[in-house]
Protein backbone atom coordinates (compact mmCIF):
# COMPACT_ATOMS: atom_id res chain seq x y z
CA MET A 1 0.26 0.06 0.05
CA ASP A 2 2.79 1.96 1.06
CA LEU A 3 4.21 1.77 -2.49
CA LEU A 4 1.40 2.44 -3.86
CA LEU A 5 -0.01 5.37 -2.10
CA PRO A 6 3.74 6.47 -0.62
CA ASN A 7 2.54 10.16 0.55
CA VAL A 8 -0.99 9.52 2.62
CA GLN A 9 -0.81 9.88 5.76
CA TRP A 10 -3.43 7.91 6.99
CA ASP A 11 -4.59 9.67 10.19
CA LEU A 12 -4.73 12.49 8.80
CA LEU A 13 -7.37 11.47 5.80
CA LEU A 14 -9.33 9.71 8.97
CA ALA A 15 -9.56 12.57 10.11
CA ALA A 16 -10.37 14.79 7.22
CA THR A 17 -13.08 12.03 6.17
CA TRP A 18 -14.68 12.52 9.69
CA GLU A 19 -14.56 16.39 9.66
CA THR A 20 -16.25 15.72 6.49
CA VAL A 21 -19.11 13.57 7.42
CA TYR A 22 -19.47 15.74 10.20
CA MET A 23 -19.90 18.96 8.36
CA MET A 24 -22.57 16.59 6.15
CA VAL A 25 -24.95 15.28 9.28
CA ILE A 26 -24.93 18.61 10.74
CA SER A 27 -25.52 20.87 7.82
CA THR A 28 -27.94 18.16 6.26
CA PHE A 29 -30.17 18.50 9.50
CA PHE A 30 -30.41 22.14 9.53
CA THR A 31 -30.85 22.29 6.03
CA ALA A 32 -33.84 20.35 6.50
CA LEU A 33 -35.00 21.74 9.15
CA PHE A 34 -34.95 25.48 7.25
CA GLY A 35 -35.54 24.28 4.18
CA LEU A 36 -38.61 22.28 4.86
CA PRO A 37 -41.00 25.08 6.66
CA LEU A 38 -39.40 27.26 3.89
CA GLY A 39 -40.68 24.95 1.17
CA ILE A 40 -43.97 24.36 2.89
CA ALA A 41 -44.35 28.21 2.85
CA LEU A 42 -43.97 28.42 -0.90
CA VAL A 43 -46.68 26.55 -1.65
CA VAL A 44 -49.67 27.19 1.08
CA MET A 45 -49.26 30.59 0.54
CA GLU A 46 -49.41 30.77 -2.89
CA GLU A 47 -53.11 33.03 -3.64
CA LYS A 48 -55.09 29.33 -4.11
CA GLY A 49 -53.38 27.69 -1.11
CA LEU A 50 -53.82 27.18 2.63
CA TRP A 51 -52.63 30.37 3.67
CA PRO A 52 -53.50 32.86 0.85
CA LEU A 53 -50.77 35.39 1.11
CA PRO A 54 -49.20 36.13 -1.68
CA TRP A 55 -47.37 38.73 -1.29
CA LEU A 56 -45.52 37.18 1.23
CA GLN A 57 -44.86 33.88 -0.84
CA ARG A 58 -43.45 36.21 -3.50
CA LEU A 59 -41.36 37.58 -0.47
CA VAL A 60 -40.29 34.08 -0.03
CA GLY A 61 -39.63 33.07 -2.98
CA PHE A 62 -37.59 36.09 -4.08
CA GLY A 63 -35.52 35.24 -1.25
CA VAL A 64 -34.91 31.54 -2.09
CA ASN A 65 -33.71 32.48 -5.55
CA LEU A 66 -31.19 35.25 -4.29
CA PHE A 67 -29.39 33.05 -2.14
CA ARG A 68 -29.50 30.22 -4.90
CA SER A 69 -28.41 32.64 -7.73
CA ILE A 70 -25.10 33.38 -5.39
CA PRO A 71 -22.13 31.33 -6.24
CA PHE A 72 -20.97 28.95 -2.98
CA ILE A 73 -17.62 30.16 -3.07
CA VAL A 74 -18.66 34.31 -3.11
CA LEU A 75 -21.49 32.99 -0.38
CA VAL A 76 -18.83 31.71 1.58
CA VAL A 77 -17.12 34.08 1.76
CA TRP A 78 -19.58 36.36 2.80
CA MET A 79 -20.54 34.06 5.52
CA ILE A 80 -17.10 34.29 7.42
CA PRO A 81 -18.55 37.44 9.66
CA VAL A 82 -21.86 35.71 9.79
CA ALA A 83 -19.72 32.16 11.34
CA ARG A 84 -17.70 33.89 13.43
CA MET A 85 -20.46 35.83 15.02
CA LEU A 86 -22.85 32.55 15.22
CA VAL A 87 -19.94 29.77 16.56
CA GLY A 88 -16.79 32.02 17.64
CA THR A 89 -14.77 31.59 14.53
CA SER A 90 -14.54 31.40 10.89
CA LEU A 91 -12.47 27.99 10.38
CA GLY A 92 -13.28 25.04 10.76
CA PRO A 93 -15.77 22.18 10.38
CA THR A 94 -18.05 24.17 12.57
CA ALA A 95 -17.68 27.46 11.09
CA ALA A 96 -18.07 25.69 7.67
CA CYS A 97 -21.51 24.30 8.51
CA VAL A 98 -22.96 27.91 8.70
CA SER A 99 -22.22 28.16 4.98
CA LEU A 100 -23.50 25.07 3.81
CA VAL A 101 -26.73 25.54 5.88
CA VAL A 102 -27.24 28.84 3.86
CA GLY A 103 -26.40 27.71 0.80
CA ALA A 104 -28.49 24.33 0.78
CA ALA A 105 -31.34 25.28 2.56
CA PRO A 106 -32.81 27.57 -0.45
CA PHE A 107 -32.41 24.75 -2.67
CA TYR A 108 -34.30 22.39 -0.87
CA ALA A 109 -36.76 24.48 -0.45
CA ARG A 110 -37.54 24.60 -4.19
CA LEU A 111 -37.38 20.33 -4.12
CA VAL A 112 -39.64 20.51 -1.23
CA GLU A 113 -41.99 22.50 -3.38
CA THR A 114 -41.48 20.46 -6.07
CA SER A 115 -42.66 17.54 -3.96
CA LEU A 116 -45.73 19.07 -2.59
CA ARG A 117 -46.85 20.38 -5.88
CA GLU A 118 -47.14 17.13 -6.81
CA VAL A 119 -49.64 15.85 -3.91
CA ASP A 120 -52.90 14.97 -5.60
CA LYS A 121 -55.44 18.25 -5.18
CA GLY A 122 -58.24 16.11 -4.91
CA VAL A 123 -56.80 15.07 -1.74
CA ILE A 124 -56.12 17.93 -0.30
CA GLU A 125 -60.25 19.08 -1.24
CA ALA A 126 -61.06 15.97 0.55
CA ALA A 127 -59.32 16.66 3.52
CA ARG A 128 -60.82 20.00 3.17
CA ALA A 129 -64.58 18.83 2.73
CA MET A 130 -63.97 16.27 5.86
CA GLY A 131 -63.07 19.46 8.62
CA ALA A 132 -59.64 18.70 8.82
CA THR A 133 -57.50 22.66 9.83
CA ARG A 134 -55.01 23.62 7.64
CA TRP A 135 -51.73 22.35 9.91
CA GLN A 136 -54.00 18.88 9.93
CA ILE A 137 -53.38 19.35 5.84
CA ILE A 138 -49.93 19.83 6.14
CA ARG A 139 -49.14 17.69 8.72
CA LYS A 140 -51.21 14.23 7.96
CA VAL A 141 -51.85 14.49 3.85
CA TYR A 142 -49.06 17.05 2.02
CA ILE A 143 -46.29 16.12 4.22
CA PRO A 144 -47.39 11.89 4.26
CA GLU A 145 -48.11 12.38 0.15
CA ALA A 146 -45.10 13.73 -0.58
CA LEU A 147 -42.79 12.07 1.83
CA PRO A 148 -41.08 9.98 -0.81
CA GLY A 149 -40.08 12.97 -2.96
CA LEU A 150 -39.25 15.02 0.55
CA VAL A 151 -36.41 11.99 1.36
CA ALA A 152 -35.58 11.96 -2.31
CA GLY A 153 -34.85 15.45 -2.29
CA ILE A 154 -32.86 15.78 0.89
CA THR A 155 -30.71 13.05 -0.53
CA VAL A 156 -29.79 14.94 -3.16
CA THR A 157 -29.10 18.01 -1.29
CA CYS A 158 -27.06 15.67 1.22
CA ILE A 159 -24.67 14.82 -1.72
CA THR A 160 -25.02 18.55 -2.85
CA LEU A 161 -23.20 19.61 0.95
CA VAL A 162 -20.36 17.09 0.05
CA SER A 163 -19.43 18.73 -3.25
CA TYR A 164 -19.77 22.01 -1.08
CA SER A 165 -17.96 20.52 1.85
CA ALA A 166 -15.14 20.03 -0.53
CA ILE A 167 -15.53 23.97 -1.78
CA THR A 168 -15.60 25.23 2.10
CA GLY A 169 -12.08 22.85 3.09
CA ILE A 170 -10.05 25.29 0.44
CA LEU A 171 -11.38 28.04 2.17
CA GLY A 172 -10.23 26.65 5.60
CA GLY A 173 -13.32 24.42 6.15
CA GLY A 174 -11.08 21.89 7.25
CA GLY A 175 -12.02 18.04 5.50
CA LEU A 176 -11.09 16.40 2.89
CA GLY A 177 -11.11 19.80 0.45
CA ASP A 178 -8.83 20.98 2.41
CA LEU A 179 -6.58 17.28 2.60
CA ALA A 180 -6.66 17.15 -1.51
CA TYR A 181 -5.84 20.34 -1.87
CA ARG A 182 -3.12 21.22 0.80
CA PHE A 183 -1.47 18.37 1.17
CA GLY A 184 -2.35 16.95 -2.66
CA PHE A 185 -2.56 20.29 -4.96
CA GLN A 186 -0.34 22.13 -3.11
CA SER A 187 2.00 19.69 -2.36
CA PHE A 188 2.27 18.03 -5.54
CA GLN A 189 1.25 14.56 -4.41
CA THR A 190 -1.23 13.05 -6.62
CA ASP A 191 -2.03 10.15 -4.84
CA VAL A 192 -3.15 12.56 -1.82
CA MET A 193 -5.72 14.09 -4.65
CA VAL A 194 -6.77 10.87 -5.58
CA LEU A 195 -7.87 8.96 -2.51
CA ALA A 196 -9.53 12.30 -0.90
CA THR A 197 -11.17 12.59 -4.56
CA ALA A 198 -12.17 8.81 -3.83
CA VAL A 199 -13.19 8.58 -0.44
CA LEU A 200 -15.58 11.48 -1.84
CA VAL A 201 -17.12 9.43 -4.18
CA LEU A 202 -17.58 6.46 -2.25
CA MET A 203 -19.40 8.85 0.16
CA VAL A 204 -21.43 9.68 -2.57
CA GLN A 205 -22.73 6.22 -3.68
CA ILE A 206 -23.10 5.38 -0.48
CA ILE A 207 -25.41 7.67 0.82
CA GLN A 208 -27.14 7.58 -2.59
CA SER A 209 -28.00 3.86 -2.11
CA ILE A 210 -29.47 5.04 1.28
CA GLY A 211 -31.78 7.19 -0.08
CA ASP A 212 -32.91 4.73 -2.98
CA ARG A 213 -33.47 2.47 -0.23
CA VAL A 214 -35.49 4.55 2.06
CA VAL A 215 -37.59 5.77 -0.96
CA GLN A 216 -38.33 2.21 -2.35
CA ALA A 217 -39.53 1.08 1.29
CA ILE A 218 -41.76 4.21 1.90
CA ASP A 219 -43.75 4.61 -1.46
CA LYS A 220 -46.47 3.04 -1.61
CA ARG A 221 -47.49 4.41 -5.14
């Protein structure tokens, strides 16, 4: 192994992998926490929605589109003072999570919106006719009916966060991106860069496989 990968320091690789997993898990959790309500708001506040507030829906949509349009590497730089204010530092995996969540939550919100719009309108009207409240319709109709799409969306978002985490690594976020850049690219150690990339590819394959299995298990259509 040392002959094939002479420059790889396995302790550094394991530490970088753990940092990437940490960023992915924390960021995915908070992305879902913020992205799900945003996506629901985009649907229920439209003109013919459960809470018809089209002016507020347009405002939320503008904010979502605004953050989606900012290149992620620029967003990371903009979030440096925010990360310093929230977590006390602008370096490391925890600080990187701030940029990851801000970048991914609007993306997931649009995926949530798409999944909710695919729910049969007849089911919504039937729930209304039976006297269900708006909150009951959201909790017991919208979310259960759209659950396969929501899980598929968070799977795609999680994979996107793996890619984003590699970018934050270049700017001091740590993880496999930092390892590939500093020890691979800058030090001309190709084996380190290739192995770090291979670990990222493996992580993506595992996440997608788990997501697909969960979707198949809960999709009753």
